[in-house]
Amino acid sequence: MHHHRNEGSPSRLPDPESLEYRAQALVLFELIVDPPPAGDRLDTLMRRLPIPESTIEPAVAALEAVGLAQREDDIVRATSPGPLLRASVAGGPVTRDRHAVLDLMLAHHPALLSTEEIARALTAASESFEERDRVEVALRELVAAGLVHRIGDFAFASLAASSFDRLRAG
């Protein structure tokens, strides 16, 4: 397996609809966008962010575990951008990944595909964390856009996506 600065992949990614996911996203956003030179204090994050205070420390710990944040006492900073920190740039690689995932889902519509099957099909059965993570990110983005639905570890193209695909095909 390829060496990562965080010594491995996270055990699981939080559900994009969960409070855990929202807390991690908001904390990371706060740490990256216009951070104070000395870093952000935990109590400031707890006051500033529109999420329950009890979710801040677990979010920081999760971000630390994957190498996106570092904590020293009550000060938290984002780490230097690395391969896991990616911004969706118009036309960038994440867009290609979304298209590949959606095309696969539409080709098998209305079947439920496991996330493992999707990753295996799109990464040529690679065990590379980066490749598999790109597929997971693309799935989350498609779910957020309403083009894919998830039921646990399974996913399927939404009615809207399949209807548009049929219209596009003529």
Protein backbone atom coordinates (compact mmCIF):
# COMPACT_ATOMS: atom_id res chain seq x y z
CA MET A 1 0.00 0.00 0.00
CA HIS A 2 1.17 3.53 -0.77
CA HIS A 3 2.55 5.40 2.26
CA HIS A 4 0.38 8.24 3.58
CA ARG A 5 1.38 10.93 6.01
CA ASN A 6 -1.51 9.88 8.21
CA GLU A 7 -0.35 6.24 8.36
CA GLY A 8 -3.44 4.81 6.72
CA SER A 9 -6.97 5.32 5.67
CA PRO A 10 -9.76 6.26 8.05
CA SER A 11 -11.81 3.32 9.25
CA ARG A 12 -14.96 4.86 7.81
CA LEU A 13 -16.28 8.09 6.37
CA PRO A 14 -19.22 9.72 8.13
CA ASP A 15 -22.59 9.81 6.41
CA PRO A 16 -22.83 13.13 4.50
CA GLU A 17 -26.22 13.74 6.10
CA SER A 18 -24.93 13.31 9.65
CA LEU A 19 -24.08 15.88 12.28
CA GLU A 20 -20.63 14.27 12.52
CA TYR A 21 -19.96 15.03 8.83
CA ARG A 22 -21.33 18.59 9.13
CA ALA A 23 -19.17 19.26 12.20
CA GLN A 24 -16.02 18.03 10.45
CA ALA A 25 -16.79 20.09 7.34
CA LEU A 26 -17.51 23.27 9.32
CA VAL A 27 -14.43 22.90 11.53
CA LEU A 28 -12.20 22.25 8.52
CA PHE A 29 -13.71 25.20 6.65
CA GLU A 30 -13.14 27.44 9.67
CA LEU A 31 -9.52 26.27 9.99
CA ILE A 32 -8.76 26.88 6.32
CA VAL A 33 -10.57 30.12 5.49
CA ASP A 34 -8.82 33.17 6.93
CA PRO A 35 -7.35 31.46 10.01
CA PRO A 36 -5.78 33.52 12.81
CA PRO A 37 -1.95 33.36 12.64
CA ALA A 38 -1.79 31.57 16.00
CA GLY A 39 -4.54 29.08 15.09
CA ASP A 40 -8.13 28.80 16.30
CA ARG A 41 -8.97 28.30 19.95
CA LEU A 42 -11.41 25.47 20.69
CA ASP A 43 -13.65 27.71 22.78
CA THR A 44 -13.83 30.21 19.89
CA LEU A 45 -14.81 27.44 17.49
CA MET A 46 -17.47 26.29 19.95
CA ARG A 47 -18.96 29.79 20.14
CA ARG A 48 -18.66 30.62 16.44
CA LEU A 49 -19.85 27.49 14.66
CA PRO A 50 -23.58 26.77 14.26
CA ILE A 51 -23.36 23.21 15.61
CA PRO A 52 -23.58 21.75 19.12
CA GLU A 53 -20.44 22.45 21.17
CA SER A 54 -20.16 18.74 21.97
CA THR A 55 -19.42 17.99 18.30
CA ILE A 56 -16.36 20.24 17.97
CA GLU A 57 -13.73 18.15 19.80
CA PRO A 58 -14.72 14.87 18.08
CA ALA A 59 -14.59 16.69 14.72
CA VAL A 60 -11.09 18.01 15.50
CA ALA A 61 -9.99 14.51 16.57
CA ALA A 62 -11.34 13.00 13.34
CA LEU A 63 -9.58 15.67 11.24
CA GLU A 64 -6.36 15.02 13.18
CA ALA A 65 -6.68 11.28 12.56
CA VAL A 66 -6.64 11.80 8.79
CA GLY A 67 -3.93 14.46 8.88
CA LEU A 68 -6.06 17.51 8.06
CA ALA A 69 -5.67 19.27 11.42
CA GLN A 70 -3.29 19.46 14.32
CA ARG A 71 -4.11 20.34 17.90
CA GLU A 72 -1.78 21.70 20.55
CA ASP A 73 -3.61 22.08 23.86
CA ASP A 74 -6.61 24.30 23.00
CA ILE A 75 -5.23 25.61 19.69
CA VAL A 76 -6.22 23.97 16.42
CA ARG A 77 -4.71 24.57 12.98
CA ALA A 78 -5.20 23.07 9.55
CA THR A 79 -2.20 21.12 8.36
CA SER A 80 -0.50 21.96 5.09
CA PRO A 81 -2.62 20.92 2.15
CA GLY A 82 -1.79 17.40 1.05
CA PRO A 83 -3.27 14.76 -1.21
CA LEU A 84 -6.34 14.29 0.99
CA LEU A 85 -7.29 17.98 0.96
CA ARG A 86 -8.84 18.69 -2.36
CA ALA A 87 -10.94 21.52 -3.65
CA SER A 88 -13.46 20.90 -6.40
CA VAL A 89 -12.28 23.07 -9.28
CA ALA A 90 -14.55 23.44 -12.30
CA GLY A 91 -13.58 20.73 -14.77
CA GLY A 92 -11.11 19.19 -12.31
CA PRO A 93 -10.53 15.52 -11.55
CA VAL A 94 -13.44 15.18 -9.11
CA THR A 95 -15.83 16.10 -11.93
CA ARG A 96 -14.47 13.25 -14.07
CA ASP A 97 -14.90 10.90 -11.13
CA ARG A 98 -18.53 11.98 -10.67
CA HIS A 99 -19.24 11.32 -14.35
CA ALA A 100 -17.64 7.89 -14.18
CA VAL A 101 -19.61 6.92 -11.06
CA LEU A 102 -22.90 8.23 -12.45
CA ASP A 103 -22.35 6.52 -15.81
CA LEU A 104 -21.74 3.22 -13.99
CA MET A 105 -24.85 3.70 -11.84
CA LEU A 106 -27.00 4.52 -14.88
CA ALA A 107 -25.65 1.54 -16.83
CA HIS A 108 -26.89 -0.74 -14.04
CA HIS A 109 -30.10 1.16 -13.18
CA PRO A 110 -32.25 0.20 -11.30
CA ALA A 111 -29.82 -2.16 -9.56
CA LEU A 112 -28.34 -1.47 -6.15
CA LEU A 113 -24.54 -1.54 -6.32
CA SER A 114 -22.40 -1.87 -3.23
CA THR A 115 -19.84 0.88 -2.71
CA GLU A 116 -17.23 -1.90 -2.90
CA GLU A 117 -18.50 -2.94 -6.35
CA ILE A 118 -18.43 0.66 -7.55
CA ALA A 119 -14.89 1.23 -6.26
CA ARG A 120 -13.69 -2.08 -7.69
CA ALA A 121 -15.19 -1.32 -11.13
CA LEU A 122 -13.76 2.19 -11.33
CA THR A 123 -10.31 1.51 -9.89
CA ALA A 124 -9.58 -1.79 -11.64
CA ALA A 125 -9.77 -3.47 -8.21
CA SER A 126 -6.98 -1.24 -6.85
CA GLU A 127 -6.42 -1.12 -3.10
CA SER A 128 -4.95 2.41 -3.37
CA PHE A 129 -6.55 4.68 -0.78
CA GLU A 130 -6.36 7.71 -3.09
CA GLU A 131 -8.17 5.97 -5.93
CA ARG A 132 -10.86 4.46 -3.72
CA ASP A 133 -11.31 7.74 -1.84
CA ARG A 134 -11.91 9.62 -5.11
CA VAL A 135 -14.78 7.22 -5.83
CA GLU A 136 -16.22 7.74 -2.32
CA VAL A 137 -15.98 11.54 -2.70
CA ALA A 138 -17.71 11.36 -6.08
CA LEU A 139 -20.50 9.24 -4.55
CA ARG A 140 -21.00 11.77 -1.73
CA GLU A 141 -21.14 14.63 -4.23
CA LEU A 142 -23.69 12.79 -6.38
CA VAL A 143 -25.82 12.08 -3.30
CA ALA A 144 -25.63 15.75 -2.33
CA ALA A 145 -26.73 16.71 -5.86
CA GLY A 146 -29.69 14.29 -5.70
CA LEU A 147 -28.43 12.14 -8.58
CA VAL A 148 -27.65 9.06 -6.47
CA HIS A 149 -29.33 7.63 -3.38
CA ARG A 150 -27.62 5.51 -0.73
CA ILE A 151 -28.95 2.79 1.52
CA GLY A 152 -26.17 1.81 3.87
CA ASP A 153 -23.28 0.47 1.80
CA PHE A 154 -25.38 0.37 -1.39
CA ALA A 155 -26.14 3.09 -3.95
CA PHE A 156 -28.41 3.53 -6.96
CA ALA A 157 -29.12 6.24 -9.55
CA SER A 158 -32.03 8.50 -8.65
CA LEU A 159 -35.19 8.71 -10.72
CA ALA A 160 -34.15 12.22 -11.79
CA ALA A 161 -30.78 10.99 -13.05
CA SER A 162 -32.24 8.02 -14.91
CA SER A 163 -35.04 10.15 -16.42
CA PHE A 164 -32.55 12.72 -17.66
CA ASP A 165 -30.35 9.97 -19.05
CA ARG A 166 -33.31 8.56 -21.02
CA LEU A 167 -34.21 12.04 -22.32
CA ARG A 168 -30.62 12.69 -23.35
CA ALA A 169 -30.49 9.37 -25.21
CA GLY A 170 -33.55 10.40 -27.19
